[in-house]
Amino acid sequence: MDLDTPFNKKESDVDSEQLLINLEKLEASLKKRDPDFPKLSKLIHSDLSSKPELAHILTPEQVRTYVSAASSFTQVQIVQESARKKTAAKVTEIGLDDL
């Protein structure tokens, strides 16, 4: 008999469930512009730092939510690198005088 109780769950299952719950709270907090979102962001950061394997369960949308909260909290802007223009190498002609 497989009962879904806290006693039968692995620690990693509980951690992953709590992480996902905190991410949902963080998303709602960001939408409401709740001033307490830095606390949730720090909590999620500490969870991911202590158990990096939890990062693998996150969807791209959840990662975007976390990065958005972290960048809002730290007031850091993440931008794409500007496109660099390719320059052609100058070709010089070699003559007999160069040898």
PDB file of N, CA and C in Angstrom:
ATOM      1  N   MET A   1       0.849  -1.169   0.000  1.00  0.00           N
ATOM      2  CA  MET A   1       0.000   0.000   0.000  1.00  0.00           C
ATOM      3  C   MET A   1       0.900   1.239   0.000  1.00  0.00           C
ATOM      4  N   ASP A   2       0.705   2.124  -0.962  1.00  0.00           N
ATOM      5  CA  ASP A   2       1.540   3.318  -1.099  1.00  0.00           C
ATOM      6  C   ASP A   2       0.751   4.542  -0.648  1.00  0.00           C
ATOM      7  N   LEU A   3       0.951   4.931   0.585  1.00  0.00           N
ATOM      8  CA  LEU A   3       0.269   6.106   1.121  1.00  0.00           C
ATOM      9  C   LEU A   3       1.140   7.324   0.928  1.00  0.00           C
ATOM     10  N   ASP A   4       0.518   8.423   0.582  1.00  0.00           N
ATOM     11  CA  ASP A   4       1.243   9.672   0.350  1.00  0.00           C
ATOM     12  C   ASP A   4       1.200  10.516   1.618  1.00  0.00           C
ATOM     13  N   THR A   5       2.019  10.141   2.585  1.00  0.00           N
ATOM     14  CA  THR A   5       2.086  10.874   3.839  1.00  0.00           C
ATOM     15  C   THR A   5       3.468  11.472   3.983  1.00  0.00           C
ATOM     16  N   PRO A   6       3.624  12.463   4.835  1.00  0.00           N
ATOM     17  CA  PRO A   6       4.949  13.063   5.027  1.00  0.00           C
ATOM     18  C   PRO A   6       5.996  12.051   5.479  1.00  0.00           C
ATOM     19  N   PHE A   7       5.549  10.952   6.139  1.00  0.00           N
ATOM     20  CA  PHE A   7       6.500   9.959   6.625  1.00  0.00           C
ATOM     21  C   PHE A   7       7.034   9.083   5.495  1.00  0.00           C
ATOM     22  N   ASN A   8       6.277   8.964   4.410  1.00  0.00           N
ATOM     23  CA  ASN A   8       6.693   8.112   3.295  1.00  0.00           C
ATOM     24  C   ASN A   8       7.462   8.877   2.227  1.00  0.00           C
ATOM     25  N   LYS A   9       7.488  10.178   2.309  1.00  0.00           N
ATOM     26  CA  LYS A   9       8.152  10.980   1.287  1.00  0.00           C
ATOM     27  C   LYS A   9       9.635  11.108   1.584  1.00  0.00           C
ATOM     28  N   LYS A  10      10.402  11.141   0.517  1.00  0.00           N
ATOM     29  CA  LYS A  10      11.832  11.386   0.660  1.00  0.00           C
ATOM     30  C   LYS A  10      12.045  12.864   0.978  1.00  0.00           C
ATOM     31  N   GLU A  11      13.174  13.148   1.581  1.00  0.00           N
ATOM     32  CA  GLU A  11      13.490  14.547   1.923  1.00  0.00           C
ATOM     33  C   GLU A  11      13.543  15.408   0.664  1.00  0.00           C
ATOM     34  N   SER A  12      14.083  14.858  -0.428  1.00  0.00           N
ATOM     35  CA  SER A  12      14.193  15.631  -1.667  1.00  0.00           C
ATOM     36  C   SER A  12      12.820  15.945  -2.251  1.00  0.00           C
ATOM     37  N   ASP A  13      11.836  15.030  -2.047  1.00  0.00           N
ATOM     38  CA  ASP A  13      10.478  15.304  -2.526  1.00  0.00           C
ATOM     39  C   ASP A  13       9.872  16.477  -1.773  1.00  0.00           C
ATOM     40  N   VAL A  14      10.078  16.488  -0.465  1.00  0.00           N
ATOM     41  CA  VAL A  14       9.552  17.579   0.360  1.00  0.00           C
ATOM     42  C   VAL A  14      10.229  18.884  -0.035  1.00  0.00           C
ATOM     43  N   ASP A  15      11.550  18.847  -0.239  1.00  0.00           N
ATOM     44  CA  ASP A  15      12.286  20.044  -0.643  1.00  0.00           C
ATOM     45  C   ASP A  15      11.787  20.574  -1.980  1.00  0.00           C
ATOM     46  N   SER A  16      11.575  19.669  -2.939  1.00  0.00           N
ATOM     47  CA  SER A  16      11.137  20.114  -4.260  1.00  0.00           C
ATOM     48  C   SER A  16       9.722  20.680  -4.209  1.00  0.00           C
ATOM     49  N   GLU A  17       8.850  20.068  -3.421  1.00  0.00           N
ATOM     50  CA  GLU A  17       7.496  20.589  -3.288  1.00  0.00           C
ATOM     51  C   GLU A  17       7.503  21.978  -2.652  1.00  0.00           C
ATOM     52  N   GLN A  18       8.317  22.147  -1.632  1.00  0.00           N
ATOM     53  CA  GLN A  18       8.400  23.441  -0.951  1.00  0.00           C
ATOM     54  C   GLN A  18       8.971  24.505  -1.884  1.00  0.00           C
ATOM     55  N   LEU A  19       9.966  24.121  -2.681  1.00  0.00           N
ATOM     56  CA  LEU A  19      10.553  25.052  -3.646  1.00  0.00           C
ATOM     57  C   LEU A  19       9.499  25.510  -4.652  1.00  0.00           C
ATOM     58  N   LEU A  20       8.719  24.579  -5.168  1.00  0.00           N
ATOM     59  CA  LEU A  20       7.688  24.932  -6.149  1.00  0.00           C
ATOM     60  C   LEU A  20       6.603  25.807  -5.524  1.00  0.00           C
ATOM     61  N   ILE A  21       6.251  25.524  -4.285  1.00  0.00           N
ATOM     62  CA  ILE A  21       5.267  26.357  -3.578  1.00  0.00           C
ATOM     63  C   ILE A  21       5.816  27.768  -3.396  1.00  0.00           C
ATOM     64  N   ASN A  22       7.086  27.870  -2.997  1.00  0.00           N
ATOM     65  CA  ASN A  22       7.699  29.185  -2.806  1.00  0.00           C
ATOM     66  C   ASN A  22       7.800  29.958  -4.121  1.00  0.00           C
ATOM     67  N   LEU A  23       8.050  29.260  -5.215  1.00  0.00           N
ATOM     68  CA  LEU A  23       8.094  29.929  -6.520  1.00  0.00           C
ATOM     69  C   LEU A  23       6.732  30.470  -6.918  1.00  0.00           C
ATOM     70  N   GLU A  24       5.672  29.711  -6.623  1.00  0.00           N
ATOM     71  CA  GLU A  24       4.317  30.201  -6.906  1.00  0.00           C
ATOM     72  C   GLU A  24       4.012  31.441  -6.066  1.00  0.00           C
ATOM     73  N   LYS A  25       4.407  31.399  -4.804  1.00  0.00           N
ATOM     74  CA  LYS A  25       4.211  32.564  -3.925  1.00  0.00           C
ATOM     75  C   LYS A  25       5.010  33.764  -4.435  1.00  0.00           C
ATOM     76  N   LEU A  26       6.218  33.498  -4.905  1.00  0.00           N
ATOM     77  CA  LEU A  26       7.069  34.567  -5.417  1.00  0.00           C
ATOM     78  C   LEU A  26       6.450  35.209  -6.652  1.00  0.00           C
ATOM     79  N   GLU A  27       5.906  34.387  -7.538  1.00  0.00           N
ATOM     80  CA  GLU A  27       5.267  34.924  -8.739  1.00  0.00           C
ATOM     81  C   GLU A  27       4.071  35.805  -8.374  1.00  0.00           C
ATOM     82  N   ALA A  28       3.254  35.335  -7.439  1.00  0.00           N
ATOM     83  CA  ALA A  28       2.097  36.128  -6.996  1.00  0.00           C
ATOM     84  C   ALA A  28       2.565  37.407  -6.304  1.00  0.00           C
ATOM     85  N   SER A  29       3.625  37.301  -5.538  1.00  0.00           N
ATOM     86  CA  SER A  29       4.168  38.463  -4.832  1.00  0.00           C
ATOM     87  C   SER A  29       4.691  39.512  -5.813  1.00  0.00           C
ATOM     88  N   LEU A  30       5.320  39.060  -6.884  1.00  0.00           N
ATOM     89  CA  LEU A  30       5.821  39.993  -7.900  1.00  0.00           C
ATOM     90  C   LEU A  30       4.679  40.693  -8.627  1.00  0.00           C
ATOM     91  N   LYS A  31       3.620  39.941  -8.929  1.00  0.00           N
ATOM     92  CA  LYS A  31       2.478  40.530  -9.634  1.00  0.00           C
ATOM     93  C   LYS A  31       1.776  41.581  -8.777  1.00  0.00           C
ATOM     94  N   LYS A  32       1.721  41.339  -7.448  1.00  0.00           N
ATOM     95  CA  LYS A  32       1.071  42.289  -6.543  1.00  0.00           C
ATOM     96  C   LYS A  32       2.017  43.395  -6.092  1.00  0.00           C
ATOM     97  N   ARG A  33       3.274  43.282  -6.493  1.00  0.00           N
ATOM     98  CA  ARG A  33       4.316  44.223  -6.065  1.00  0.00           C
ATOM     99  C   ARG A  33       4.409  44.265  -4.538  1.00  0.00           C
ATOM    100  N   ASP A  34       4.342  43.073  -3.963  1.00  0.00           N
ATOM    101  CA  ASP A  34       4.430  42.904  -2.519  1.00  0.00           C
ATOM    102  C   ASP A  34       5.857  43.219  -2.059  1.00  0.00           C
ATOM    103  N   PRO A  35       6.018  44.054  -1.045  1.00  0.00           N
ATOM    104  CA  PRO A  35       7.375  44.405  -0.590  1.00  0.00           C
ATOM    105  C   PRO A  35       8.118  43.245   0.086  1.00  0.00           C
ATOM    106  N   ASP A  36       7.439  42.151   0.369  1.00  0.00           N
ATOM    107  CA  ASP A  36       8.087  41.007   1.021  1.00  0.00           C
ATOM    108  C   ASP A  36       8.697  40.008   0.034  1.00  0.00           C
ATOM    109  N   PHE A  37       8.664  40.309  -1.259  1.00  0.00           N
ATOM    110  CA  PHE A  37       9.207  39.346  -2.214  1.00  0.00           C
ATOM    111  C   PHE A  37      10.704  39.095  -2.044  1.00  0.00           C
ATOM    112  N   PRO A  38      11.497  40.046  -1.509  1.00  0.00           N
ATOM    113  CA  PRO A  38      12.918  39.722  -1.298  1.00  0.00           C
ATOM    114  C   PRO A  38      13.137  38.563  -0.314  1.00  0.00           C
ATOM    115  N   LYS A  39      12.258  38.435   0.663  1.00  0.00           N
ATOM    116  CA  LYS A  39      12.381  37.322   1.620  1.00  0.00           C
ATOM    117  C   LYS A  39      12.209  35.991   0.904  1.00  0.00           C
ATOM    118  N   LEU A  40      11.195  35.912   0.049  1.00  0.00           N
ATOM    119  CA  LEU A  40      10.969  34.683  -0.713  1.00  0.00           C
ATOM    120  C   LEU A  40      12.123  34.418  -1.670  1.00  0.00           C
ATOM    121  N   SER A  41      12.606  35.460  -2.287  1.00  0.00           N
ATOM    122  CA  SER A  41      13.726  35.320  -3.218  1.00  0.00           C
ATOM    123  C   SER A  41      14.961  34.782  -2.501  1.00  0.00           C
ATOM    124  N   LYS A  42      15.240  35.297  -1.320  1.00  0.00           N
ATOM    125  CA  LYS A  42      16.381  34.815  -0.535  1.00  0.00           C
ATOM    126  C   LYS A  42      16.186  33.366  -0.104  1.00  0.00           C
ATOM    127  N   LEU A  43      14.958  33.020   0.264  1.00  0.00           N
ATOM    128  CA  LEU A  43      14.661  31.651   0.678  1.00  0.00           C
ATOM    129  C   LEU A  43      14.881  30.676  -0.479  1.00  0.00           C
ATOM    130  N   ILE A  44      14.387  31.039  -1.632  1.00  0.00           N
ATOM    131  CA  ILE A  44      14.564  30.197  -2.812  1.00  0.00           C
ATOM    132  C   ILE A  44      16.047  30.092  -3.164  1.00  0.00           C
ATOM    133  N   HIS A  45      16.751  31.205  -3.068  1.00  0.00           N
ATOM    134  CA  HIS A  45      18.183  31.198  -3.357  1.00  0.00           C
ATOM    135  C   HIS A  45      18.933  30.257  -2.412  1.00  0.00           C
ATOM    136  N   SER A  46      18.595  30.307  -1.131  1.00  0.00           N
ATOM    137  CA  SER A  46      19.284  29.427  -0.179  1.00  0.00           C
ATOM    138  C   SER A  46      18.939  27.962  -0.433  1.00  0.00           C
ATOM    139  N   ASP A  47      17.683  27.685  -0.825  1.00  0.00           N
ATOM    140  CA  ASP A  47      17.303  26.310  -1.160  1.00  0.00           C
ATOM    141  C   ASP A  47      18.093  25.802  -2.358  1.00  0.00           C
ATOM    142  N   LEU A  48      18.198  26.633  -3.392  1.00  0.00           N
ATOM    143  CA  LEU A  48      18.919  26.230  -4.597  1.00  0.00           C
ATOM    144  C   LEU A  48      20.422  26.138  -4.345  1.00  0.00           C
ATOM    145  N   SER A  49      20.930  26.960  -3.456  1.00  0.00           N
ATOM    146  CA  SER A  49      22.362  26.900  -3.135  1.00  0.00           C
ATOM    147  C   SER A  49      22.706  25.642  -2.338  1.00  0.00           C
ATOM    148  N   SER A  50      21.830  25.295  -1.410  1.00  0.00           N
ATOM    149  CA  SER A  50      22.107  24.122  -0.582  1.00  0.00           C
ATOM    150  C   SER A  50      21.823  22.808  -1.312  1.00  0.00           C
ATOM    151  N   LYS A  51      20.899  22.831  -2.254  1.00  0.00           N
ATOM    152  CA  LYS A  51      20.564  21.622  -3.014  1.00  0.00           C
ATOM    153  C   LYS A  51      20.468  21.978  -4.500  1.00  0.00           C
ATOM    154  N   PRO A  52      21.617  22.084  -5.181  1.00  0.00           N
ATOM    155  CA  PRO A  52      21.615  22.501  -6.594  1.00  0.00           C
ATOM    156  C   PRO A  52      20.828  21.565  -7.513  1.00  0.00           C
ATOM    157  N   GLU A  53      20.641  20.324  -7.098  1.00  0.00           N
ATOM    158  CA  GLU A  53      19.887  19.389  -7.938  1.00  0.00           C
ATOM    159  C   GLU A  53      18.428  19.811  -8.090  1.00  0.00           C
ATOM    160  N   LEU A  54      17.932  20.679  -7.208  1.00  0.00           N
ATOM    161  CA  LEU A  54      16.556  21.158  -7.323  1.00  0.00           C
ATOM    162  C   LEU A  54      16.369  22.054  -8.539  1.00  0.00           C
ATOM    163  N   ALA A  55      17.428  22.661  -9.021  1.00  0.00           N
ATOM    164  CA  ALA A  55      17.323  23.546 -10.178  1.00  0.00           C
ATOM    165  C   ALA A  55      16.885  22.792 -11.430  1.00  0.00           C
ATOM    166  N   HIS A  56      17.143  21.499 -11.470  1.00  0.00           N
ATOM    167  CA  HIS A  56      16.807  20.711 -12.658  1.00  0.00           C
ATOM    168  C   HIS A  56      15.308  20.477 -12.828  1.00  0.00           C
ATOM    169  N   ILE A  57      14.540  20.673 -11.768  1.00  0.00           N
ATOM    170  CA  ILE A  57      13.092  20.446 -11.876  1.00  0.00           C
ATOM    171  C   ILE A  57      12.349  21.700 -12.313  1.00  0.00           C
ATOM    172  N   LEU A  58      13.038  22.829 -12.382  1.00  0.00           N
ATOM    173  CA  LEU A  58      12.380  24.088 -12.710  1.00  0.00           C
ATOM    174  C   LEU A  58      12.128  24.212 -14.209  1.00  0.00           C
ATOM    175  N   THR A  59      10.969  24.743 -14.533  1.00  0.00           N
ATOM    176  CA  THR A  59      10.644  25.022 -15.924  1.00  0.00           C
ATOM    177  C   THR A  59      11.283  26.361 -16.307  1.00  0.00           C
ATOM    178  N   PRO A  60      11.397  26.651 -17.601  1.00  0.00           N
ATOM    179  CA  PRO A  60      11.942  27.958 -18.003  1.00  0.00           C
ATOM    180  C   PRO A  60      11.146  29.130 -17.433  1.00  0.00           C
ATOM    181  N   GLU A  61       9.830  28.981 -17.286  1.00  0.00           N
ATOM    182  CA  GLU A  61       9.006  30.050 -16.728  1.00  0.00           C
ATOM    183  C   GLU A  61       9.337  30.272 -15.254  1.00  0.00           C
ATOM    184  N   GLN A  62       9.586  29.188 -14.518  1.00  0.00           N
ATOM    185  CA  GLN A  62       9.933  29.315 -13.107  1.00  0.00           C
ATOM    186  C   GLN A  62      11.315  29.951 -12.939  1.00  0.00           C
ATOM    187  N   VAL A  63      12.230  29.585 -13.814  1.00  0.00           N
ATOM    188  CA  VAL A  63      13.560  30.207 -13.786  1.00  0.00           C
ATOM    189  C   VAL A  63      13.428  31.693 -14.084  1.00  0.00           C
ATOM    190  N   ARG A  64      12.594  32.037 -15.059  1.00  0.00           N
ATOM    191  CA  ARG A  64      12.371  33.440 -15.422  1.00  0.00           C
ATOM    192  C   ARG A  64      11.795  34.208 -14.235  1.00  0.00           C
ATOM    193  N   THR A  65      10.865  33.608 -13.511  1.00  0.00           N
ATOM    194  CA  THR A  65      10.281  34.251 -12.334  1.00  0.00           C
ATOM    195  C   THR A  65      11.351  34.511 -11.279  1.00  0.00           C
ATOM    196  N   TYR A  66      12.180  33.502 -11.021  1.00  0.00           N
ATOM    197  CA  TYR A  66      13.222  33.645 -10.015  1.00  0.00           C
ATOM    198  C   TYR A  66      14.247  34.704 -10.417  1.00  0.00           C
ATOM    199  N   VAL A  67      14.677  34.674 -11.660  1.00  0.00           N
ATOM    200  CA  VAL A  67      15.673  35.651 -12.134  1.00  0.00           C
ATOM    201  C   VAL A  67      15.081  37.055 -12.118  1.00  0.00           C
ATOM    202  N   SER A  68      13.822  37.172 -12.501  1.00  0.00           N
ATOM    203  CA  SER A  68      13.156  38.472 -12.481  1.00  0.00           C
ATOM    204  C   SER A  68      13.102  39.030 -11.056  1.00  0.00           C
ATOM    205  N   ALA A  69      12.760  38.182 -10.111  1.00  0.00           N
ATOM    206  CA  ALA A  69      12.702  38.628  -8.713  1.00  0.00           C
ATOM    207  C   ALA A  69      14.091  39.000  -8.212  1.00  0.00           C
ATOM    208  N   ALA A  70      15.066  38.174  -8.534  1.00  0.00           N
ATOM    209  CA  ALA A  70      16.427  38.450  -8.069  1.00  0.00           C
ATOM    210  C   ALA A  70      16.963  39.740  -8.673  1.00  0.00           C
ATOM    211  N   SER A  71      16.687  39.956  -9.956  1.00  0.00           N
ATOM    212  CA  SER A  71      17.184  41.184 -10.587  1.00  0.00           C
ATOM    213  C   SER A  71      16.437  42.418 -10.073  1.00  0.00           C
ATOM    214  N   SER A  72      15.162  42.269  -9.741  1.00  0.00           N
ATOM    215  CA  SER A  72      14.413  43.388  -9.159  1.00  0.00           C
ATOM    216  C   SER A  72      14.931  43.711  -7.766  1.00  0.00           C
ATOM    217  N   PHE A  73      15.203  42.670  -7.011  1.00  0.00           N
ATOM    218  CA  PHE A  73      15.677  42.842  -5.638  1.00  0.00           C
ATOM    219  C   PHE A  73      17.064  43.475  -5.604  1.00  0.00           C
ATOM    220  N   THR A  74      17.948  43.017  -6.461  1.00  0.00           N
ATOM    221  CA  THR A  74      19.319  43.536  -6.463  1.00  0.00           C
ATOM    222  C   THR A  74      19.484  44.746  -7.370  1.00  0.00           C
ATOM    223  N   GLN A  75      18.431  45.087  -8.097  1.00  0.00           N
ATOM    224  CA  GLN A  75      18.426  46.207  -9.044  1.00  0.00           C
ATOM    225  C   GLN A  75      19.522  46.051 -10.098  1.00  0.00           C
ATOM    226  N   VAL A  76      19.644  44.824 -10.598  1.00  0.00           N
ATOM    227  CA  VAL A  76      20.599  44.514 -11.658  1.00  0.00           C
ATOM    228  C   VAL A  76      19.813  44.303 -12.936  1.00  0.00           C
ATOM    229  N   GLN A  77      20.335  44.810 -14.022  1.00  0.00           N
ATOM    230  CA  GLN A  77      19.697  44.604 -15.316  1.00  0.00           C
ATOM    231  C   GLN A  77      20.494  43.574 -16.096  1.00  0.00           C
ATOM    232  N   ILE A  78      19.788  42.619 -16.665  1.00  0.00           N
ATOM    233  CA  ILE A  78      20.426  41.600 -17.481  1.00  0.00           C
ATOM    234  C   ILE A  78      20.072  41.909 -18.926  1.00  0.00           C
ATOM    235  N   VAL A  79      21.085  42.158 -19.725  1.00  0.00           N
ATOM    236  CA  VAL A  79      20.852  42.520 -21.123  1.00  0.00           C
ATOM    237  C   VAL A  79      21.647  41.592 -22.023  1.00  0.00           C
ATOM    238  N   GLN A  80      21.208  41.526 -23.265  1.00  0.00           N
ATOM    239  CA  GLN A  80      21.928  40.735 -24.246  1.00  0.00           C
ATOM    240  C   GLN A  80      23.169  41.490 -24.688  1.00  0.00           C
ATOM    241  N   GLU A  81      24.176  40.726 -25.032  1.00  0.00           N
ATOM    242  CA  GLU A  81      25.394  41.331 -25.535  1.00  0.00           C
ATOM    243  C   GLU A  81      25.097  41.917 -26.901  1.00  0.00           C
ATOM    244  N   SER A  82      25.583  43.107 -27.140  1.00  0.00           N
ATOM    245  CA  SER A  82      25.314  43.741 -28.423  1.00  0.00           C
ATOM    246  C   SER A  82      26.056  42.988 -29.529  1.00  0.00           C
ATOM    247  N   ALA A  83      25.463  43.005 -30.676  1.00  0.00           N
ATOM    248  CA  ALA A  83      26.073  42.316 -31.817  1.00  0.00           C
ATOM    249  C   ALA A  83      27.313  43.073 -32.257  1.00  0.00           C
ATOM    250  N   ARG A  84      28.355  42.330 -32.466  1.00  0.00           N
ATOM    251  CA  ARG A  84      29.597  42.955 -32.902  1.00  0.00           C
ATOM    252  C   ARG A  84      29.688  42.853 -34.411  1.00  0.00           C
ATOM    253  N   LYS A  85      30.211  43.885 -34.998  1.00  0.00           N
ATOM    254  CA  LYS A  85      30.386  43.884 -36.437  1.00  0.00           C
ATOM    255  C   LYS A  85      31.626  43.085 -36.773  1.00  0.00           C
ATOM    256  N   LYS A  86      31.479  42.248 -37.760  1.00  0.00           N
ATOM    257  CA  LYS A  86      32.630  41.471 -38.202  1.00  0.00           C
ATOM    258  C   LYS A  86      33.442  42.320 -39.168  1.00  0.00           C
ATOM    259  N   THR A  87      34.706  42.327 -38.946  1.00  0.00           N
ATOM    260  CA  THR A  87      35.583  43.078 -39.840  1.00  0.00           C
ATOM    261  C   THR A  87      36.452  42.094 -40.589  1.00  0.00           C
ATOM    262  N   ALA A  88      36.586  42.341 -41.834  1.00  0.00           N
ATOM    263  CA  ALA A  88      37.410  41.463 -42.668  1.00  0.00           C
ATOM    264  C   ALA A  88      38.879  41.814 -42.437  1.00  0.00           C
ATOM    265  N   ALA A  89      39.683  40.800 -42.428  1.00  0.00           N
ATOM    266  CA  ALA A  89      41.113  41.031 -42.261  1.00  0.00           C
ATOM    267  C   ALA A  89      41.658  41.666 -43.542  1.00  0.00           C
ATOM    268  N   LYS A  90      42.558  42.598 -43.354  1.00  0.00           N
ATOM    269  CA  LYS A  90      43.147  43.260 -44.513  1.00  0.00           C
ATOM    270  C   LYS A  90      44.102  42.299 -45.210  1.00  0.00           C
ATOM    271  N   VAL A  91      43.941  42.214 -46.488  1.00  0.00           N
ATOM    272  CA  VAL A  91      44.800  41.349 -47.286  1.00  0.00           C
ATOM    273  C   VAL A  91      45.784  42.253 -48.015  1.00  0.00           C
ATOM    274  N   THR A  92      47.023  41.945 -47.797  1.00  0.00           N
ATOM    275  CA  THR A  92      48.052  42.723 -48.513  1.00  0.00           C
ATOM    276  C   THR A  92      48.701  41.800 -49.538  1.00  0.00           C
ATOM    277  N   GLU A  93      49.054  42.381 -50.608  1.00  0.00           N
ATOM    278  CA  GLU A  93      49.698  41.585 -51.652  1.00  0.00           C
ATOM    279  C   GLU A  93      51.180  41.443 -51.326  1.00  0.00           C
ATOM    280  N   ILE A  94      51.663  40.268 -51.547  1.00  0.00           N
ATOM    281  CA  ILE A  94      53.077  40.001 -51.310  1.00  0.00           C
ATOM    282  C   ILE A  94      53.764  39.969 -52.667  1.00  0.00           C
ATOM    283  N   GLY A  95      54.828  40.724 -52.741  1.00  0.00           N
ATOM    284  CA  GLY A  95      55.584  40.774 -53.999  1.00  0.00           C
ATOM    285  C   GLY A  95      56.964  40.179 -53.815  1.00  0.00           C
ATOM    286  N   LEU A  96      57.728  40.183 -54.864  1.00  0.00           N
ATOM    287  CA  LEU A  96      59.087  39.653 -54.810  1.00  0.00           C
ATOM    288  C   LEU A  96      59.982  40.445 -53.875  1.00  0.00           C
ATOM    289  N   ASP A  97      59.670  41.724 -53.713  1.00  0.00           N
ATOM    290  CA  ASP A  97      60.485  42.558 -52.841  1.00  0.00           C
ATOM    291  C   ASP A  97      60.341  42.154 -51.375  1.00  0.00           C
ATOM    292  N   ASP A  98      59.211  41.531 -51.021  1.00  0.00           N
ATOM    293  CA  ASP A  98      58.986  41.115 -49.634  1.00  0.00           C
ATOM    294  C   ASP A  98      59.783  39.877 -49.261  1.00  0.00           C
ATOM    295  N   LEU A  99      60.241  39.140 -50.257  1.00  0.00           N
ATOM    296  CA  LEU A  99      60.993  37.902 -49.955  1.00  0.00           C
ATOM    297  C   LEU A  99      62.412  38.203 -49.808  1.00  0.00           C
TER     298      LEU A  99
END
